[in-house]
């Protein structure tokens, strides 16, 4: 089994657990290096509820929570410039893996140097898996045991997503926070 994690949300690290005699040592190290303290710090907890504020660290900066997340589904937040987003206090932008995969396409995003460069956005980006879009386009998809086969709503071309492929796409375009296909 291959376990891929982001240590401190900054450095990709792969650990192979296959036939390892030191599984418990490896898992202890993983738990230590990926502990919440390394990428999320609670700043305040309300005494009367479970509400809290905090700071989430990513490779492209810190995000103070709770946070408003403007949506740039296809790599742009419509009707507003990046400068206006920054002036408004945007700390992070949400984009959608399904839409980015279909248009402009993973290859174009990779050639551009990733989604951050493509968008000219230096702060964190969260990418949603696109699972809702695939699910909602029921006439264009067929759910399989380990993934989903779907047709593009743009040109009818056939595609296949499974959890691993969605994460690979998100990693290849440089997303800071990746949402898995579930």
N, C-alpha and C. Protein backbone atom coordinates (compact mmCIF):
# COMPACT_ATOMS: atom_id res chain seq x y z
N UNK A 1 0.85 -1.17 0.00
CA UNK A 1 0.00 0.00 0.00
C UNK A 1 0.89 1.23 0.00
N UNK A 2 0.62 2.19 -0.85
CA UNK A 2 1.38 3.43 -0.92
C UNK A 2 0.57 4.51 -0.24
N UNK A 3 1.18 5.17 0.71
CA UNK A 3 0.51 6.24 1.44
C UNK A 3 1.21 7.53 1.07
N UNK A 4 0.48 8.47 0.52
CA UNK A 4 1.07 9.74 0.13
C UNK A 4 0.52 10.81 1.05
N UNK A 5 1.39 11.60 1.62
CA UNK A 5 0.98 12.65 2.53
C UNK A 5 1.74 13.92 2.20
N UNK A 6 1.30 15.02 2.76
CA UNK A 6 2.05 16.27 2.67
C UNK A 6 2.54 16.58 4.07
N UNK A 7 3.83 16.50 4.28
CA UNK A 7 4.40 16.79 5.58
C UNK A 7 4.41 18.30 5.75
N UNK A 8 3.82 18.77 6.84
CA UNK A 8 3.76 20.19 7.15
C UNK A 8 3.10 20.96 6.00
N UNK A 9 2.31 20.26 5.19
CA UNK A 9 1.63 20.85 4.05
C UNK A 9 2.60 21.55 3.11
N UNK A 10 3.88 21.25 3.18
CA UNK A 10 4.87 21.92 2.36
C UNK A 10 5.64 20.93 1.49
N UNK A 11 6.00 19.77 2.02
CA UNK A 11 6.89 18.85 1.34
C UNK A 11 6.19 17.54 1.04
N UNK A 12 6.04 17.16 -0.24
CA UNK A 12 5.44 15.86 -0.53
C UNK A 12 6.32 14.74 0.00
N UNK A 13 5.70 13.71 0.56
CA UNK A 13 6.47 12.60 1.09
C UNK A 13 5.69 11.33 0.85
N UNK A 14 6.32 10.31 0.27
CA UNK A 14 5.66 9.03 0.07
C UNK A 14 6.30 8.00 0.97
N UNK A 15 5.48 7.18 1.55
CA UNK A 15 5.96 6.14 2.44
C UNK A 15 5.40 4.81 1.96
N UNK A 16 6.24 3.85 1.74
CA UNK A 16 5.79 2.53 1.32
C UNK A 16 5.69 1.63 2.54
N UNK A 17 4.48 1.12 2.77
CA UNK A 17 4.25 0.29 3.94
C UNK A 17 4.25 -1.20 3.59
N UNK A 18 4.36 -1.51 2.31
CA UNK A 18 4.29 -2.89 1.84
C UNK A 18 5.34 -3.75 2.52
N UNK A 19 4.91 -4.81 3.15
CA UNK A 19 5.79 -5.81 3.78
C UNK A 19 6.84 -5.21 4.72
N UNK A 20 6.54 -4.09 5.31
CA UNK A 20 7.49 -3.45 6.20
C UNK A 20 7.41 -4.07 7.59
N UNK A 21 8.56 -4.34 8.20
CA UNK A 21 8.60 -4.86 9.56
C UNK A 21 8.41 -3.72 10.56
N UNK A 22 8.62 -2.49 10.10
CA UNK A 22 8.56 -1.34 10.99
C UNK A 22 7.31 -0.50 10.77
N UNK A 23 6.18 -1.15 10.47
CA UNK A 23 4.95 -0.40 10.19
C UNK A 23 4.58 0.53 11.33
N UNK A 24 4.71 0.06 12.56
CA UNK A 24 4.32 0.90 13.69
C UNK A 24 5.25 2.10 13.82
N UNK A 25 6.55 1.91 13.58
CA UNK A 25 7.50 3.03 13.62
C UNK A 25 7.18 4.04 12.53
N UNK A 26 6.90 3.52 11.33
CA UNK A 26 6.58 4.41 10.21
C UNK A 26 5.30 5.18 10.51
N UNK A 27 4.27 4.49 10.99
CA UNK A 27 3.00 5.16 11.29
C UNK A 27 3.17 6.18 12.40
N UNK A 28 4.00 5.90 13.40
CA UNK A 28 4.26 6.88 14.46
C UNK A 28 4.89 8.13 13.88
N UNK A 29 5.85 7.94 12.97
CA UNK A 29 6.50 9.08 12.32
C UNK A 29 5.50 9.87 11.49
N UNK A 30 4.65 9.18 10.75
CA UNK A 30 3.62 9.85 9.94
C UNK A 30 2.71 10.66 10.83
N UNK A 31 2.23 10.04 11.92
CA UNK A 31 1.33 10.74 12.83
C UNK A 31 1.99 11.97 13.43
N UNK A 32 3.27 11.86 13.80
CA UNK A 32 3.99 12.98 14.38
C UNK A 32 4.17 14.11 13.36
N UNK A 33 4.59 13.74 12.14
CA UNK A 33 4.88 14.75 11.13
C UNK A 33 3.63 15.36 10.52
N UNK A 34 2.51 14.69 10.62
CA UNK A 34 1.27 15.21 10.05
C UNK A 34 0.29 15.64 11.13
N UNK A 35 0.75 15.79 12.34
CA UNK A 35 -0.15 16.18 13.42
C UNK A 35 -0.77 17.54 13.10
N UNK A 36 -1.94 17.74 13.64
CA UNK A 36 -2.66 18.98 13.39
C UNK A 36 -1.83 20.20 13.74
N UNK A 37 -0.98 20.10 14.72
CA UNK A 37 -0.17 21.25 15.14
C UNK A 37 0.75 21.73 14.02
N UNK A 38 1.11 20.85 13.09
CA UNK A 38 2.00 21.26 12.02
C UNK A 38 1.33 22.09 10.95
N UNK A 39 0.01 21.97 10.79
CA UNK A 39 -0.63 22.76 9.75
C UNK A 39 -1.88 23.50 10.21
N UNK A 40 -2.37 23.24 11.40
CA UNK A 40 -3.51 23.99 11.93
C UNK A 40 -3.28 24.30 13.40
N UNK A 41 -3.43 25.57 13.73
CA UNK A 41 -3.24 26.00 15.10
C UNK A 41 -4.50 26.71 15.56
N UNK A 42 -5.06 26.27 16.67
CA UNK A 42 -6.25 26.89 17.24
C UNK A 42 -5.81 28.16 17.97
N UNK A 43 -6.48 29.26 17.65
CA UNK A 43 -6.17 30.54 18.29
C UNK A 43 -7.12 30.82 19.45
N UNK A 44 -8.37 30.42 19.30
CA UNK A 44 -9.36 30.69 20.34
C UNK A 44 -10.46 29.63 20.29
N UNK A 45 -10.86 29.17 21.47
CA UNK A 45 -12.00 28.26 21.58
C UNK A 45 -13.05 28.92 22.45
N UNK A 46 -14.29 28.92 21.98
CA UNK A 46 -15.39 29.50 22.74
C UNK A 46 -15.71 28.60 23.92
N UNK A 47 -15.92 29.20 25.09
CA UNK A 47 -16.18 28.45 26.31
C UNK A 47 -17.58 27.81 26.32
N UNK A 48 -18.49 28.36 25.53
CA UNK A 48 -19.89 27.92 25.59
C UNK A 48 -20.32 27.07 24.39
N UNK A 49 -19.44 26.87 23.45
CA UNK A 49 -19.79 26.07 22.27
C UNK A 49 -18.52 25.39 21.75
N UNK A 50 -18.62 24.75 20.63
CA UNK A 50 -17.45 24.12 20.03
C UNK A 50 -16.79 25.04 18.99
N UNK A 51 -17.23 26.28 18.91
CA UNK A 51 -16.68 27.22 17.93
C UNK A 51 -15.22 27.52 18.26
N UNK A 52 -14.43 27.71 17.22
CA UNK A 52 -13.02 28.06 17.40
C UNK A 52 -12.52 28.84 16.19
N UNK A 53 -11.44 29.56 16.40
CA UNK A 53 -10.74 30.23 15.31
C UNK A 53 -9.35 29.64 15.26
N UNK A 54 -8.71 29.77 14.11
CA UNK A 54 -7.39 29.20 13.98
C UNK A 54 -6.66 29.70 12.76
N UNK A 55 -5.49 29.12 12.54
CA UNK A 55 -4.67 29.44 11.38
C UNK A 55 -4.28 28.12 10.72
N UNK A 56 -4.54 28.03 9.43
CA UNK A 56 -4.20 26.87 8.61
C UNK A 56 -3.01 27.26 7.75
N UNK A 57 -1.92 26.49 7.85
CA UNK A 57 -0.71 26.79 7.07
C UNK A 57 -0.66 25.94 5.81
N UNK A 58 -0.33 26.59 4.69
CA UNK A 58 -0.15 25.88 3.42
C UNK A 58 1.14 26.39 2.77
N UNK A 59 1.51 25.77 1.68
CA UNK A 59 2.72 26.18 0.95
C UNK A 59 2.61 27.59 0.39
N UNK A 60 1.39 28.08 0.19
CA UNK A 60 1.21 29.41 -0.39
C UNK A 60 0.70 30.43 0.63
N UNK A 61 0.83 30.11 1.90
CA UNK A 61 0.46 31.10 2.91
C UNK A 61 -0.48 30.56 3.96
N UNK A 62 -0.73 31.40 4.93
CA UNK A 62 -1.61 31.05 6.04
C UNK A 62 -3.03 31.54 5.76
N UNK A 63 -3.98 30.80 6.33
CA UNK A 63 -5.39 31.12 6.20
C UNK A 63 -5.96 31.22 7.60
N UNK A 64 -6.48 32.37 7.95
CA UNK A 64 -7.13 32.53 9.25
C UNK A 64 -8.56 32.04 9.12
N UNK A 65 -8.98 31.21 10.08
CA UNK A 65 -10.34 30.65 10.04
C UNK A 65 -11.17 31.25 11.17
N UNK A 66 -12.49 31.35 10.94
CA UNK A 66 -13.22 30.95 9.75
C UNK A 66 -12.86 31.85 8.58
N UNK A 67 -13.15 31.37 7.36
CA UNK A 67 -12.71 32.09 6.17
C UNK A 67 -13.82 32.11 5.11
N UNK A 68 -13.90 33.21 4.39
CA UNK A 68 -14.75 33.29 3.21
C UNK A 68 -13.90 32.85 2.03
N UNK A 69 -14.42 31.95 1.22
CA UNK A 69 -13.64 31.37 0.13
C UNK A 69 -14.32 31.69 -1.21
N UNK A 70 -13.82 32.70 -1.94
CA UNK A 70 -14.39 32.99 -3.26
C UNK A 70 -14.21 31.79 -4.19
N UNK A 71 -15.17 31.60 -5.08
CA UNK A 71 -15.16 30.45 -5.98
C UNK A 71 -14.66 30.86 -7.36
N UNK A 72 -13.57 30.20 -7.78
CA UNK A 72 -13.01 30.37 -9.12
C UNK A 72 -13.06 29.02 -9.81
N UNK A 73 -14.27 28.55 -10.08
CA UNK A 73 -14.51 27.19 -10.58
C UNK A 73 -13.55 26.78 -11.68
N UNK A 74 -13.38 27.62 -12.68
CA UNK A 74 -12.56 27.26 -13.84
C UNK A 74 -11.25 28.04 -13.86
N UNK A 75 -10.75 28.39 -12.70
CA UNK A 75 -9.46 29.07 -12.63
C UNK A 75 -9.57 30.58 -12.64
N UNK A 76 -10.76 31.10 -12.45
CA UNK A 76 -10.93 32.55 -12.33
C UNK A 76 -12.18 32.85 -11.52
N UNK A 77 -12.11 33.86 -10.68
CA UNK A 77 -13.29 34.32 -9.96
C UNK A 77 -13.93 35.36 -10.87
N UNK A 78 -15.12 35.07 -11.34
CA UNK A 78 -15.76 35.92 -12.35
C UNK A 78 -16.13 37.29 -11.79
N UNK A 79 -16.00 38.28 -12.61
CA UNK A 79 -16.38 39.69 -12.40
C UNK A 79 -15.52 40.44 -11.40
N UNK A 80 -14.40 39.86 -10.97
CA UNK A 80 -13.54 40.55 -10.01
C UNK A 80 -12.08 40.21 -10.30
N UNK A 81 -11.22 41.18 -10.19
CA UNK A 81 -9.79 40.96 -10.45
C UNK A 81 -9.10 40.41 -9.21
N UNK A 82 -7.92 39.85 -9.39
CA UNK A 82 -7.14 39.37 -8.24
C UNK A 82 -6.84 40.50 -7.28
N UNK A 83 -6.55 41.68 -7.81
CA UNK A 83 -6.26 42.83 -6.94
C UNK A 83 -7.47 43.16 -6.07
N UNK A 84 -8.67 43.09 -6.67
CA UNK A 84 -9.89 43.36 -5.91
C UNK A 84 -10.13 42.26 -4.87
N UNK A 85 -9.81 41.02 -5.22
CA UNK A 85 -9.92 39.92 -4.24
C UNK A 85 -9.01 40.18 -3.05
N UNK A 86 -7.78 40.57 -3.33
CA UNK A 86 -6.82 40.84 -2.25
C UNK A 86 -7.28 42.02 -1.39
N UNK A 87 -7.77 43.07 -2.03
CA UNK A 87 -8.27 44.24 -1.30
C UNK A 87 -9.45 43.86 -0.42
N UNK A 88 -10.27 42.94 -0.90
CA UNK A 88 -11.44 42.49 -0.13
C UNK A 88 -11.04 41.53 0.99
N UNK A 89 -9.78 41.13 1.02
CA UNK A 89 -9.30 40.26 2.10
C UNK A 89 -9.33 38.77 1.80
N UNK A 90 -9.49 38.40 0.53
CA UNK A 90 -9.52 36.98 0.18
C UNK A 90 -8.18 36.33 0.53
N UNK A 91 -8.24 35.22 1.27
CA UNK A 91 -7.03 34.51 1.67
C UNK A 91 -6.82 33.25 0.85
N UNK A 92 -7.88 32.77 0.22
CA UNK A 92 -7.88 31.49 -0.49
C UNK A 92 -8.96 31.54 -1.55
N UNK A 93 -8.76 30.78 -2.62
CA UNK A 93 -9.76 30.65 -3.68
C UNK A 93 -10.06 29.17 -3.86
N UNK A 94 -11.32 28.87 -4.12
CA UNK A 94 -11.75 27.50 -4.38
C UNK A 94 -11.88 27.30 -5.89
N UNK A 95 -11.34 26.20 -6.40
CA UNK A 95 -11.49 25.86 -7.81
C UNK A 95 -11.97 24.42 -7.90
N UNK A 96 -12.37 23.98 -9.10
CA UNK A 96 -13.01 22.69 -9.25
C UNK A 96 -12.23 21.78 -10.19
N UNK A 97 -11.81 20.62 -9.70
CA UNK A 97 -11.00 19.68 -10.46
C UNK A 97 -11.71 19.20 -11.72
N UNK A 98 -12.99 18.89 -11.63
CA UNK A 98 -13.75 18.42 -12.79
C UNK A 98 -13.69 19.45 -13.92
N UNK A 99 -14.03 20.68 -13.60
CA UNK A 99 -14.05 21.74 -14.63
C UNK A 99 -12.65 22.03 -15.16
N UNK A 100 -11.66 22.10 -14.28
CA UNK A 100 -10.28 22.37 -14.72
C UNK A 100 -9.75 21.25 -15.60
N UNK A 101 -10.09 20.01 -15.26
CA UNK A 101 -9.66 18.85 -16.03
C UNK A 101 -10.22 18.91 -17.46
N UNK A 102 -11.49 19.28 -17.57
CA UNK A 102 -12.11 19.35 -18.90
C UNK A 102 -11.70 20.60 -19.68
N UNK A 103 -11.56 21.71 -18.98
CA UNK A 103 -11.19 22.97 -19.63
C UNK A 103 -10.60 23.91 -18.61
N UNK A 104 -9.40 24.30 -18.72
CA UNK A 104 -8.49 24.27 -19.86
C UNK A 104 -7.78 22.93 -20.07
N UNK A 105 -7.81 22.06 -19.05
CA UNK A 105 -7.15 20.76 -19.15
C UNK A 105 -5.88 20.71 -18.32
N UNK A 106 -5.62 19.53 -17.80
CA UNK A 106 -4.46 19.32 -16.92
C UNK A 106 -3.15 19.67 -17.62
N UNK A 107 -3.01 19.27 -18.88
CA UNK A 107 -1.77 19.52 -19.61
C UNK A 107 -1.47 21.02 -19.73
N UNK A 108 -2.47 21.81 -20.02
CA UNK A 108 -2.28 23.26 -20.14
C UNK A 108 -1.91 23.86 -18.79
N UNK A 109 -2.57 23.41 -17.74
CA UNK A 109 -2.25 23.92 -16.39
C UNK A 109 -0.83 23.56 -15.99
N UNK A 110 -0.41 22.33 -16.29
CA UNK A 110 0.96 21.91 -15.97
C UNK A 110 1.97 22.73 -16.76
N UNK A 111 1.70 22.96 -18.06
CA UNK A 111 2.61 23.76 -18.88
C UNK A 111 2.69 25.21 -18.40
N UNK A 112 1.60 25.70 -17.83
CA UNK A 112 1.59 27.06 -17.30
C UNK A 112 2.37 27.17 -15.99
N UNK A 113 2.74 26.03 -15.42
CA UNK A 113 3.45 26.04 -14.14
C UNK A 113 2.53 25.80 -12.96
N UNK A 114 1.34 25.29 -13.23
CA UNK A 114 0.38 25.00 -12.18
C UNK A 114 -0.75 26.01 -12.15
N UNK A 115 -1.74 25.70 -11.34
CA UNK A 115 -2.93 26.54 -11.26
C UNK A 115 -2.63 27.94 -10.71
N UNK A 116 -1.70 28.04 -9.76
CA UNK A 116 -1.37 29.36 -9.21
C UNK A 116 -0.85 30.29 -10.30
N UNK A 117 0.06 29.82 -11.12
CA UNK A 117 0.60 30.66 -12.20
C UNK A 117 -0.46 30.93 -13.26
N UNK A 118 -1.25 29.91 -13.58
CA UNK A 118 -2.31 30.07 -14.57
C UNK A 118 -3.28 31.17 -14.14
N UNK A 119 -3.61 31.19 -12.85
CA UNK A 119 -4.54 32.18 -12.31
C UNK A 119 -3.86 33.49 -11.91
N UNK A 120 -2.52 33.47 -11.86
CA UNK A 120 -1.77 34.61 -11.33
C UNK A 120 -2.22 34.90 -9.88
N UNK A 121 -2.35 33.83 -9.11
CA UNK A 121 -2.80 33.91 -7.71
C UNK A 121 -1.70 33.34 -6.83
N UNK A 122 -1.19 34.13 -5.90
CA UNK A 122 -0.06 33.69 -5.07
C UNK A 122 -0.49 33.10 -3.73
N UNK A 123 -1.73 33.23 -3.41
CA UNK A 123 -2.23 32.71 -2.13
C UNK A 123 -2.77 31.29 -2.29
N UNK A 124 -3.19 30.64 -1.19
CA UNK A 124 -3.65 29.26 -1.26
C UNK A 124 -4.86 29.04 -2.18
N UNK A 125 -4.92 27.82 -2.71
CA UNK A 125 -6.05 27.37 -3.53
C UNK A 125 -6.52 26.02 -2.99
N UNK A 126 -7.83 25.88 -2.82
CA UNK A 126 -8.45 24.61 -2.49
C UNK A 126 -9.12 24.12 -3.77
N UNK A 127 -8.89 22.86 -4.13
CA UNK A 127 -9.58 22.29 -5.27
C UNK A 127 -10.55 21.22 -4.80
N UNK A 128 -11.80 21.39 -5.21
CA UNK A 128 -12.84 20.41 -4.95
C UNK A 128 -12.66 19.27 -5.94
N UNK A 129 -13.10 18.09 -5.60
CA UNK A 129 -12.89 16.91 -6.44
C UNK A 129 -13.69 16.93 -7.73
N UNK A 130 -14.80 17.62 -7.76
CA UNK A 130 -15.70 17.57 -8.91
C UNK A 130 -16.74 16.49 -8.78
N UNK A 131 -16.77 15.81 -7.65
CA UNK A 131 -17.72 14.73 -7.42
C UNK A 131 -19.16 15.17 -7.55
N UNK A 132 -19.47 16.36 -7.06
CA UNK A 132 -20.85 16.84 -7.16
C UNK A 132 -21.26 17.03 -8.61
N UNK A 133 -20.36 17.60 -9.42
CA UNK A 133 -20.68 17.82 -10.83
C UNK A 133 -20.91 16.48 -11.54
N UNK A 134 -20.05 15.52 -11.26
CA UNK A 134 -20.20 14.20 -11.88
C UNK A 134 -21.52 13.57 -11.44
N UNK A 135 -21.80 13.66 -10.14
CA UNK A 135 -23.02 13.07 -9.61
C UNK A 135 -24.26 13.74 -10.18
N UNK A 136 -24.24 15.07 -10.27
CA UNK A 136 -25.42 15.81 -10.72
C UNK A 136 -25.70 15.64 -12.21
N UNK A 137 -24.69 15.27 -12.98
CA UNK A 137 -24.88 15.03 -14.41
C UNK A 137 -25.20 13.56 -14.64
N UNK A 138 -26.27 13.09 -13.99
CA UNK A 138 -26.59 11.67 -13.94
C UNK A 138 -26.75 11.03 -15.32
N UNK A 139 -27.24 11.77 -16.29
CA UNK A 139 -27.41 11.19 -17.62
C UNK A 139 -26.08 11.02 -18.36
N UNK A 140 -25.01 11.61 -17.82
CA UNK A 140 -23.70 11.55 -18.47
C UNK A 140 -22.70 10.66 -17.73
N UNK A 141 -23.12 10.00 -16.66
CA UNK A 141 -22.17 9.23 -15.87
C UNK A 141 -22.67 7.84 -15.54
N UNK A 142 -21.68 6.97 -15.29
CA UNK A 142 -21.97 5.61 -14.86
C UNK A 142 -21.04 5.31 -13.69
N UNK A 143 -21.62 5.08 -12.53
CA UNK A 143 -20.83 4.80 -11.33
C UNK A 143 -20.39 3.35 -11.36
N UNK A 144 -19.09 3.16 -11.19
CA UNK A 144 -18.51 1.81 -11.16
C UNK A 144 -18.06 1.53 -9.72
N UNK A 145 -17.59 0.33 -9.48
CA UNK A 145 -17.18 -0.09 -8.14
C UNK A 145 -16.05 0.79 -7.59
N UNK A 146 -15.09 1.15 -8.43
CA UNK A 146 -13.91 1.88 -7.95
C UNK A 146 -13.78 3.30 -8.51
N UNK A 147 -14.79 3.78 -9.18
CA UNK A 147 -14.72 5.13 -9.74
C UNK A 147 -15.97 5.46 -10.52
N UNK A 148 -15.84 6.41 -11.41
CA UNK A 148 -16.99 6.84 -12.21
C UNK A 148 -16.55 7.13 -13.64
N UNK A 149 -17.31 6.60 -14.57
CA UNK A 149 -17.10 6.87 -15.99
C UNK A 149 -18.10 7.97 -16.35
N UNK A 150 -17.63 9.00 -17.05
CA UNK A 150 -18.54 10.09 -17.39
C UNK A 150 -18.21 10.66 -18.75
N UNK A 151 -19.19 11.34 -19.31
CA UNK A 151 -19.01 12.03 -20.58
C UNK A 151 -18.95 13.52 -20.29
N UNK A 152 -18.07 14.19 -20.99
CA UNK A 152 -17.93 15.64 -20.83
C UNK A 152 -19.23 16.34 -21.21
N UNK A 153 -19.63 17.28 -20.39
CA UNK A 153 -20.81 18.09 -20.73
C UNK A 153 -20.48 19.08 -21.85
N UNK A 154 -19.19 19.22 -22.18
CA UNK A 154 -18.76 20.15 -23.23
C UNK A 154 -18.79 19.53 -24.63
N UNK A 155 -18.22 18.32 -24.76
CA UNK A 155 -18.10 17.73 -26.09
C UNK A 155 -18.48 16.25 -26.16
N UNK A 156 -18.94 15.67 -25.05
CA UNK A 156 -19.37 14.28 -25.05
C UNK A 156 -18.25 13.25 -24.97
N UNK A 157 -16.99 13.71 -24.86
CA UNK A 157 -15.87 12.77 -24.77
C UNK A 157 -15.95 11.98 -23.45
N UNK A 158 -15.44 10.75 -23.48
CA UNK A 158 -15.50 9.86 -22.31
C UNK A 158 -14.28 10.03 -21.42
N UNK A 159 -14.51 9.96 -20.11
CA UNK A 159 -13.46 10.12 -19.11
C UNK A 159 -13.75 9.19 -17.94
N UNK A 160 -12.72 8.98 -17.11
CA UNK A 160 -12.87 8.12 -15.94
C UNK A 160 -12.14 8.75 -14.77
N UNK A 161 -12.83 8.90 -13.66
CA UNK A 161 -12.24 9.40 -12.42
C UNK A 161 -12.36 8.31 -11.37
N UNK A 162 -11.30 8.14 -10.60
CA UNK A 162 -11.36 7.38 -9.36
C UNK A 162 -10.64 8.24 -8.33
N UNK A 163 -10.71 7.90 -7.06
CA UNK A 163 -10.10 8.75 -6.04
C UNK A 163 -8.62 9.04 -6.30
N UNK A 164 -7.86 8.05 -6.72
CA UNK A 164 -6.43 8.24 -6.96
C UNK A 164 -6.19 9.24 -8.10
N UNK A 165 -6.93 9.11 -9.19
CA UNK A 165 -6.73 10.00 -10.34
C UNK A 165 -7.06 11.45 -9.98
N UNK A 166 -8.13 11.64 -9.21
CA UNK A 166 -8.52 12.99 -8.81
C UNK A 166 -7.42 13.64 -7.96
N UNK A 167 -6.84 12.89 -7.04
CA UNK A 167 -5.74 13.42 -6.22
C UNK A 167 -4.53 13.70 -7.10
N UNK A 168 -4.22 12.80 -8.04
CA UNK A 168 -3.08 13.03 -8.95
C UNK A 168 -3.27 14.30 -9.75
N UNK A 169 -4.48 14.55 -10.24
CA UNK A 169 -4.76 15.78 -10.99
C UNK A 169 -4.52 16.99 -10.10
N UNK A 170 -5.07 16.96 -8.90
CA UNK A 170 -4.93 18.09 -7.99
C UNK A 170 -3.48 18.35 -7.61
N UNK A 171 -2.73 17.29 -7.40
CA UNK A 171 -1.31 17.46 -7.09
C UNK A 171 -0.55 18.01 -8.28
N UNK A 172 -0.88 17.53 -9.49
CA UNK A 172 -0.15 17.96 -10.68
C UNK A 172 -0.37 19.43 -11.00
N UNK A 173 -1.49 19.99 -10.57
CA UNK A 173 -1.74 21.41 -10.83
C UNK A 173 -1.38 22.30 -9.64
N UNK A 174 -0.89 21.68 -8.56
CA UNK A 174 -0.35 22.45 -7.43
C UNK A 174 -1.35 22.96 -6.42
N UNK A 175 -2.46 22.27 -6.26
CA UNK A 175 -3.45 22.68 -5.26
C UNK A 175 -2.84 22.61 -3.86
N UNK A 176 -3.24 23.54 -3.00
CA UNK A 176 -2.76 23.54 -1.61
C UNK A 176 -3.59 22.62 -0.73
N UNK A 177 -4.91 22.63 -0.94
CA UNK A 177 -5.81 21.78 -0.16
C UNK A 177 -6.62 20.98 -1.17
N UNK A 178 -6.48 19.65 -1.09
CA UNK A 178 -7.09 18.74 -2.05
C UNK A 178 -8.29 18.05 -1.43
N UNK A 179 -9.40 18.06 -2.14
CA UNK A 179 -10.58 17.34 -1.68
C UNK A 179 -10.68 16.05 -2.48
N UNK A 180 -10.73 14.91 -1.81
CA UNK A 180 -10.77 13.63 -2.52
C UNK A 180 -12.15 13.33 -3.10
N UNK A 181 -12.17 12.51 -4.11
CA UNK A 181 -13.42 12.02 -4.68
C UNK A 181 -13.95 10.94 -3.73
N UNK A 182 -15.15 11.10 -3.27
CA UNK A 182 -15.71 10.11 -2.36
C UNK A 182 -17.03 9.55 -2.87
